[in-house]
């Protein structure tokens, strides 16, 4: 039985069971492993997952749900991991309930920049100074972002996650478009000014 708690639980080191290539020592792409043990970032922990605040959040609320089992990325997920992915999704959905005044999306990047499977739980205000580039924006507002439920359905149907890296990377180059209206900003500063119009007055 899984038990989820705050940070009163003893720290458990992630296991190494995937056989996937580890990130080079001190390489930025492997930074999530260190973040999983950072008490300043860690939010929740249970027998199977650790939840942290994204170190460079792209919205007011931005969490990462990561398995303790060493799974480098979606392409390494198998049918054996269906229960784990379902649990990760439930943990993510429970996090959103703590912020009932905000809308959230819960899912994975098709081509993640960081090693270690991680589920994004992010509020759709996208109000953060760390949201700086077109790639940042499009990684959450185009099909580059795959809803968690869609991942589980494909895994149950095909036994693996089919990803086309070249096609998915093209989404990052698409023109900017507001996710809540038809506005087509010319650049990121214009987009970020526009996004403020969608915020409640008390958050502007």
C-alpha atoms as a PDB file:
ATOM      1  CA  UNK A   1       0.000   0.000   0.000  1.00  0.00           C
ATOM      2  CA  UNK A   2       1.386   3.390  -0.954  1.00  0.00           C
ATOM      3  CA  UNK A   3       1.633   6.017   1.734  1.00  0.00           C
ATOM      4  CA  UNK A   4       1.977   9.654   0.777  1.00  0.00           C
ATOM      5  CA  UNK A   5       3.176  12.138   3.315  1.00  0.00           C
ATOM      6  CA  UNK A   6       4.891  15.453   3.741  1.00  0.00           C
ATOM      7  CA  UNK A   7       8.595  15.604   4.392  1.00  0.00           C
ATOM      8  CA  UNK A   8       8.421  13.739   7.694  1.00  0.00           C
ATOM      9  CA  UNK A   9       9.166  10.480   5.880  1.00  0.00           C
ATOM     10  CA  UNK A  10      12.701   9.162   5.849  1.00  0.00           C
ATOM     11  CA  UNK A  11      14.645   9.945   2.709  1.00  0.00           C
ATOM     12  CA  UNK A  12      14.863   7.083   0.242  1.00  0.00           C
ATOM     13  CA  UNK A  13      17.501   6.994  -2.455  1.00  0.00           C
ATOM     14  CA  UNK A  14      16.149   6.392  -5.974  1.00  0.00           C
ATOM     15  CA  UNK A  15      16.833   2.908  -7.257  1.00  0.00           C
ATOM     16  CA  UNK A  16      18.817   2.175 -10.397  1.00  0.00           C
ATOM     17  CA  UNK A  17      16.949  -0.450 -12.364  1.00  0.00           C
ATOM     18  CA  UNK A  18      16.510   0.760 -15.919  1.00  0.00           C
ATOM     19  CA  UNK A  19      19.968   0.081 -17.267  1.00  0.00           C
ATOM     20  CA  UNK A  20      19.700   3.362 -19.195  1.00  0.00           C
ATOM     21  CA  UNK A  21      22.793   5.524 -19.614  1.00  0.00           C
ATOM     22  CA  UNK A  22      23.291   7.880 -16.673  1.00  0.00           C
ATOM     23  CA  UNK A  23      23.867  11.571 -17.163  1.00  0.00           C
ATOM     24  CA  UNK A  24      27.475  12.660 -17.090  1.00  0.00           C
ATOM     25  CA  UNK A  25      28.567  13.657 -13.621  1.00  0.00           C
ATOM     26  CA  UNK A  26      27.569  17.256 -12.889  1.00  0.00           C
ATOM     27  CA  UNK A  27      25.938  17.634 -16.337  1.00  0.00           C
ATOM     28  CA  UNK A  28      22.888  19.923 -16.161  1.00  0.00           C
ATOM     29  CA  UNK A  29      20.642  17.338 -17.867  1.00  0.00           C
ATOM     30  CA  UNK A  30      21.033  15.099 -14.829  1.00  0.00           C
ATOM     31  CA  UNK A  31      20.115  17.793 -12.350  1.00  0.00           C
ATOM     32  CA  UNK A  32      16.754  16.304 -11.406  1.00  0.00           C
ATOM     33  CA  UNK A  33      18.437  13.549  -9.450  1.00  0.00           C
ATOM     34  CA  UNK A  34      19.971  16.116  -7.115  1.00  0.00           C
ATOM     35  CA  UNK A  35      16.738  18.106  -6.969  1.00  0.00           C
ATOM     36  CA  UNK A  36      14.875  15.027  -5.766  1.00  0.00           C
ATOM     37  CA  UNK A  37      16.933  15.144  -2.571  1.00  0.00           C
ATOM     38  CA  UNK A  38      16.880  18.921  -2.107  1.00  0.00           C
ATOM     39  CA  UNK A  39      14.773  19.716   0.996  1.00  0.00           C
ATOM     40  CA  UNK A  40      14.135  23.224  -0.345  1.00  0.00           C
ATOM     41  CA  UNK A  41      12.402  21.772  -3.415  1.00  0.00           C
ATOM     42  CA  UNK A  42      10.831  18.569  -2.137  1.00  0.00           C
ATOM     43  CA  UNK A  43       7.099  18.773  -1.475  1.00  0.00           C
ATOM     44  CA  UNK A  44       5.835  15.206  -1.060  1.00  0.00           C
ATOM     45  CA  UNK A  45       7.210  11.689  -0.966  1.00  0.00           C
ATOM     46  CA  UNK A  46       5.816   8.170  -0.802  1.00  0.00           C
ATOM     47  CA  UNK A  47       7.125   4.675  -1.458  1.00  0.00           C
ATOM     48  CA  UNK A  48       7.207   5.176  -5.236  1.00  0.00           C
ATOM     49  CA  UNK A  49       7.493   8.874  -6.084  1.00  0.00           C
ATOM     50  CA  UNK A  50       8.996  12.172  -5.033  1.00  0.00           C
ATOM     51  CA  UNK A  51       7.345  15.502  -5.815  1.00  0.00           C
ATOM     52  CA  UNK A  52       9.408  18.664  -6.094  1.00  0.00           C
ATOM     53  CA  UNK A  53       8.824  22.247  -7.060  1.00  0.00           C
ATOM     54  CA  UNK A  54      10.343  22.928 -10.452  1.00  0.00           C
ATOM     55  CA  UNK A  55      13.599  24.777  -9.820  1.00  0.00           C
ATOM     56  CA  UNK A  56      12.814  27.136 -12.726  1.00  0.00           C
ATOM     57  CA  UNK A  57       8.999  27.239 -12.678  1.00  0.00           C
ATOM     58  CA  UNK A  58       7.193  28.312 -15.814  1.00  0.00           C
ATOM     59  CA  UNK A  59       4.006  29.266 -13.932  1.00  0.00           C
ATOM     60  CA  UNK A  60       2.885  30.283 -10.460  1.00  0.00           C
ATOM     61  CA  UNK A  61       2.581  26.608  -9.519  1.00  0.00           C
ATOM     62  CA  UNK A  62       4.858  24.123 -11.234  1.00  0.00           C
ATOM     63  CA  UNK A  63       5.547  20.696  -9.751  1.00  0.00           C
ATOM     64  CA  UNK A  64       7.401  17.646 -11.007  1.00  0.00           C
ATOM     65  CA  UNK A  65       6.282  14.157 -10.007  1.00  0.00           C
ATOM     66  CA  UNK A  66       9.158  11.693 -10.409  1.00  0.00           C
ATOM     67  CA  UNK A  67       9.438   7.964  -9.794  1.00  0.00           C
ATOM     68  CA  UNK A  68      12.082   6.632  -7.456  1.00  0.00           C
ATOM     69  CA  UNK A  69      12.612   3.877  -9.983  1.00  0.00           C
ATOM     70  CA  UNK A  70      15.273   4.992 -12.455  1.00  0.00           C
ATOM     71  CA  UNK A  71      13.360   5.553 -15.703  1.00  0.00           C
ATOM     72  CA  UNK A  72      15.254   8.017 -17.934  1.00  0.00           C
ATOM     73  CA  UNK A  73      12.377   9.121 -20.197  1.00  0.00           C
ATOM     74  CA  UNK A  74       9.023   8.211 -21.740  1.00  0.00           C
ATOM     75  CA  UNK A  75      10.646   6.058 -24.415  1.00  0.00           C
ATOM     76  CA  UNK A  76      11.902   3.757 -21.661  1.00  0.00           C
ATOM     77  CA  UNK A  77       8.435   3.193 -20.176  1.00  0.00           C
ATOM     78  CA  UNK A  78       6.900  -0.281 -20.591  1.00  0.00           C
ATOM     79  CA  UNK A  79       3.608  -1.949 -19.682  1.00  0.00           C
ATOM     80  CA  UNK A  80       5.188  -2.891 -16.368  1.00  0.00           C
ATOM     81  CA  UNK A  81       5.058   0.801 -15.495  1.00  0.00           C
ATOM     82  CA  UNK A  82       1.335   1.386 -16.092  1.00  0.00           C
ATOM     83  CA  UNK A  83       0.459   1.274 -12.384  1.00  0.00           C
ATOM     84  CA  UNK A  84       3.335   3.640 -11.616  1.00  0.00           C
ATOM     85  CA  UNK A  85       2.230   6.163 -14.255  1.00  0.00           C
ATOM     86  CA  UNK A  86      -1.334   5.976 -12.979  1.00  0.00           C
ATOM     87  CA  UNK A  87      -0.095   6.640  -9.451  1.00  0.00           C
ATOM     88  CA  UNK A  88       2.033   9.574 -10.640  1.00  0.00           C
ATOM     89  CA  UNK A  89      -1.034  11.028 -12.334  1.00  0.00           C
ATOM     90  CA  UNK A  90      -3.176  10.661  -9.215  1.00  0.00           C
ATOM     91  CA  UNK A  91      -0.498  12.350  -7.116  1.00  0.00           C
ATOM     92  CA  UNK A  92      -0.410  15.183  -9.647  1.00  0.00           C
ATOM     93  CA  UNK A  93      -4.183  15.565  -9.667  1.00  0.00           C
ATOM     94  CA  UNK A  94      -4.229  15.707  -5.872  1.00  0.00           C
ATOM     95  CA  UNK A  95      -1.709  18.544  -6.009  1.00  0.00           C
ATOM     96  CA  UNK A  96      -4.024  20.558  -8.246  1.00  0.00           C
ATOM     97  CA  UNK A  97      -6.807  20.259  -5.666  1.00  0.00           C
ATOM     98  CA  UNK A  98      -4.693  22.306  -3.277  1.00  0.00           C
ATOM     99  CA  UNK A  99      -5.025  25.271  -5.657  1.00  0.00           C
ATOM    100  CA  UNK A 100      -8.707  25.243  -6.546  1.00  0.00           C
ATOM    101  CA  UNK A 101      -8.632  28.791  -7.913  1.00  0.00           C
ATOM    102  CA  UNK A 102      -6.187  27.780 -10.669  1.00  0.00           C
ATOM    103  CA  UNK A 103      -6.445  25.607 -13.747  1.00  0.00           C
ATOM    104  CA  UNK A 104      -3.733  23.024 -14.346  1.00  0.00           C
ATOM    105  CA  UNK A 105      -2.396  20.732 -17.027  1.00  0.00           C
ATOM    106  CA  UNK A 106      -0.760  17.430 -16.125  1.00  0.00           C
ATOM    107  CA  UNK A 107       1.515  15.710 -18.602  1.00  0.00           C
ATOM    108  CA  UNK A 108       4.907  15.015 -20.131  1.00  0.00           C
ATOM    109  CA  UNK A 109       7.202  16.718 -22.602  1.00  0.00           C
ATOM    110  CA  UNK A 110       7.599  14.606 -25.722  1.00  0.00           C
ATOM    111  CA  UNK A 111      11.325  15.382 -25.878  1.00  0.00           C
ATOM    112  CA  UNK A 112      12.426  16.321 -22.365  1.00  0.00           C
ATOM    113  CA  UNK A 113      15.666  18.216 -21.852  1.00  0.00           C
ATOM    114  CA  UNK A 114      16.269  16.677 -18.422  1.00  0.00           C
ATOM    115  CA  UNK A 115      17.068  13.036 -17.736  1.00  0.00           C
ATOM    116  CA  UNK A 116      14.705  11.204 -15.397  1.00  0.00           C
ATOM    117  CA  UNK A 117      11.057  10.608 -16.169  1.00  0.00           C
ATOM    118  CA  UNK A 118       9.052  13.500 -14.745  1.00  0.00           C
ATOM    119  CA  UNK A 119       5.399  14.463 -14.867  1.00  0.00           C
ATOM    120  CA  UNK A 120       4.671  18.196 -15.070  1.00  0.00           C
ATOM    121  CA  UNK A 121       1.849  19.573 -12.939  1.00  0.00           C
ATOM    122  CA  UNK A 122       1.632  23.216 -13.951  1.00  0.00           C
ATOM    123  CA  UNK A 123      -0.901  25.999 -13.555  1.00  0.00           C
ATOM    124  CA  UNK A 124      -2.056  27.620 -16.783  1.00  0.00           C
ATOM    125  CA  UNK A 125      -1.491  31.202 -15.675  1.00  0.00           C
ATOM    126  CA  UNK A 126       2.129  30.799 -16.910  1.00  0.00           C
ATOM    127  CA  UNK A 127       2.973  33.767 -14.732  1.00  0.00           C
ATOM    128  CA  UNK A 128       6.675  33.379 -14.012  1.00  0.00           C
ATOM    129  CA  UNK A 129       9.907  35.245 -14.759  1.00  0.00           C
ATOM    130  CA  UNK A 130      11.421  31.884 -15.743  1.00  0.00           C
ATOM    131  CA  UNK A 131       9.124  31.665 -18.765  1.00  0.00           C
ATOM    132  CA  UNK A 132      11.430  33.401 -21.231  1.00  0.00           C
ATOM    133  CA  UNK A 133      11.517  31.788 -24.668  1.00  0.00           C
ATOM    134  CA  UNK A 134       9.262  30.586 -27.455  1.00  0.00           C
ATOM    135  CA  UNK A 135      10.474  27.062 -26.734  1.00  0.00           C
ATOM    136  CA  UNK A 136       9.404  27.373 -23.100  1.00  0.00           C
ATOM    137  CA  UNK A 137       5.943  28.486 -24.161  1.00  0.00           C
ATOM    138  CA  UNK A 138       5.403  25.975 -26.946  1.00  0.00           C
ATOM    139  CA  UNK A 139       6.606  23.108 -24.790  1.00  0.00           C
ATOM    140  CA  UNK A 140       3.428  23.488 -22.718  1.00  0.00           C
ATOM    141  CA  UNK A 141       0.884  24.866 -25.203  1.00  0.00           C
ATOM    142  CA  UNK A 142       1.339  22.639 -28.272  1.00  0.00           C
ATOM    143  CA  UNK A 143       1.158  18.842 -28.793  1.00  0.00           C
ATOM    144  CA  UNK A 144       4.778  18.773 -27.587  1.00  0.00           C
ATOM    145  CA  UNK A 145       3.062  18.507 -24.191  1.00  0.00           C
ATOM    146  CA  UNK A 146       1.373  15.105 -23.897  1.00  0.00           C
ATOM    147  CA  UNK A 147      -1.426  14.803 -21.318  1.00  0.00           C
ATOM    148  CA  UNK A 148      -0.773  12.072 -18.775  1.00  0.00           C
ATOM    149  CA  UNK A 149      -3.997  10.277 -19.629  1.00  0.00           C
ATOM    150  CA  UNK A 150      -2.985  10.035 -23.304  1.00  0.00           C
ATOM    151  CA  UNK A 151       0.332   8.485 -22.318  1.00  0.00           C
ATOM    152  CA  UNK A 152      -1.390   5.817 -20.236  1.00  0.00           C
ATOM    153  CA  UNK A 153      -3.881   5.005 -22.985  1.00  0.00           C
ATOM    154  CA  UNK A 154      -1.126   4.550 -25.562  1.00  0.00           C
ATOM    155  CA  UNK A 155       0.913   2.431 -23.180  1.00  0.00           C
ATOM    156  CA  UNK A 156      -2.042   0.173 -22.451  1.00  0.00           C
ATOM    157  CA  UNK A 157      -2.794  -0.168 -26.165  1.00  0.00           C
ATOM    158  CA  UNK A 158       0.695  -0.490 -27.687  1.00  0.00           C
ATOM    159  CA  UNK A 159       2.883  -1.508 -24.776  1.00  0.00           C
ATOM    160  CA  UNK A 160       5.225   1.435 -25.372  1.00  0.00           C
ATOM    161  CA  UNK A 161       5.171   5.162 -26.069  1.00  0.00           C
ATOM    162  CA  UNK A 162       5.708   6.037 -29.730  1.00  0.00           C
ATOM    163  CA  UNK A 163       7.519   9.333 -30.173  1.00  0.00           C
ATOM    164  CA  UNK A 164       8.764  11.125 -33.272  1.00  0.00           C
ATOM    165  CA  UNK A 165      11.518  13.406 -32.040  1.00  0.00           C
ATOM    166  CA  UNK A 166      11.857  15.388 -35.257  1.00  0.00           C
ATOM    167  CA  UNK A 167       8.121  16.009 -35.562  1.00  0.00           C
ATOM    168  CA  UNK A 168       7.758  16.920 -31.899  1.00  0.00           C
ATOM    169  CA  UNK A 169      10.662  19.352 -31.974  1.00  0.00           C
ATOM    170  CA  UNK A 170       8.924  21.239 -34.785  1.00  0.00           C
ATOM    171  CA  UNK A 171       6.172  22.178 -32.335  1.00  0.00           C
ATOM    172  CA  UNK A 172       8.724  24.228 -30.413  1.00  0.00           C
ATOM    173  CA  UNK A 173       9.235  26.426 -33.459  1.00  0.00           C
ATOM    174  CA  UNK A 174       5.566  27.248 -34.054  1.00  0.00           C
ATOM    175  CA  UNK A 175       4.387  30.851 -33.860  1.00  0.00           C
ATOM    176  CA  UNK A 176       3.348  32.133 -30.473  1.00  0.00           C
ATOM    177  CA  UNK A 177      -0.341  31.819 -29.689  1.00  0.00           C
ATOM    178  CA  UNK A 178      -2.266  32.579 -26.525  1.00  0.00           C
ATOM    179  CA  UNK A 179      -3.661  29.380 -25.011  1.00  0.00           C
ATOM    180  CA  UNK A 180      -6.838  31.153 -23.861  1.00  0.00           C
ATOM    181  CA  UNK A 181      -7.811  33.321 -26.819  1.00  0.00           C
ATOM    182  CA  UNK A 182      -6.971  33.985 -30.475  1.00  0.00           C
ATOM    183  CA  UNK A 183      -4.182  36.477 -29.772  1.00  0.00           C
ATOM    184  CA  UNK A 184      -1.012  35.940 -31.844  1.00  0.00           C
ATOM    185  CA  UNK A 185       1.768  37.879 -30.099  1.00  0.00           C
ATOM    186  CA  UNK A 186       4.818  38.890 -32.112  1.00  0.00           C
ATOM    187  CA  UNK A 187       7.311  37.998 -29.405  1.00  0.00           C
ATOM    188  CA  UNK A 188       7.603  36.797 -25.815  1.00  0.00           C
ATOM    189  CA  UNK A 189       7.472  40.236 -24.140  1.00  0.00           C
ATOM    190  CA  UNK A 190       4.201  40.930 -25.953  1.00  0.00           C
ATOM    191  CA  UNK A 191       2.862  37.506 -24.997  1.00  0.00           C
ATOM    192  CA  UNK A 192       3.729  37.977 -21.338  1.00  0.00           C
ATOM    193  CA  UNK A 193       2.039  41.387 -21.246  1.00  0.00           C
ATOM    194  CA  UNK A 194      -1.012  39.825 -22.851  1.00  0.00           C
ATOM    195  CA  UNK A 195      -1.123  36.943 -20.364  1.00  0.00           C
ATOM    196  CA  UNK A 196      -1.574  39.456 -17.557  1.00  0.00           C
ATOM    197  CA  UNK A 197      -4.954  40.309 -19.054  1.00  0.00           C
ATOM    198  CA  UNK A 198      -6.125  36.793 -18.260  1.00  0.00           C
ATOM    199  CA  UNK A 199      -5.048  36.937 -14.608  1.00  0.00           C
ATOM    200  CA  UNK A 200      -7.484  37.790 -11.827  1.00  0.00           C
ATOM    201  CA  UNK A 201      -7.065  41.411 -10.770  1.00  0.00           C
ATOM    202  CA  UNK A 202      -5.624  40.428  -7.393  1.00  0.00           C
ATOM    203  CA  UNK A 203      -2.746  38.561  -9.080  1.00  0.00           C
ATOM    204  CA  UNK A 204      -1.689  41.239 -11.561  1.00  0.00           C
END
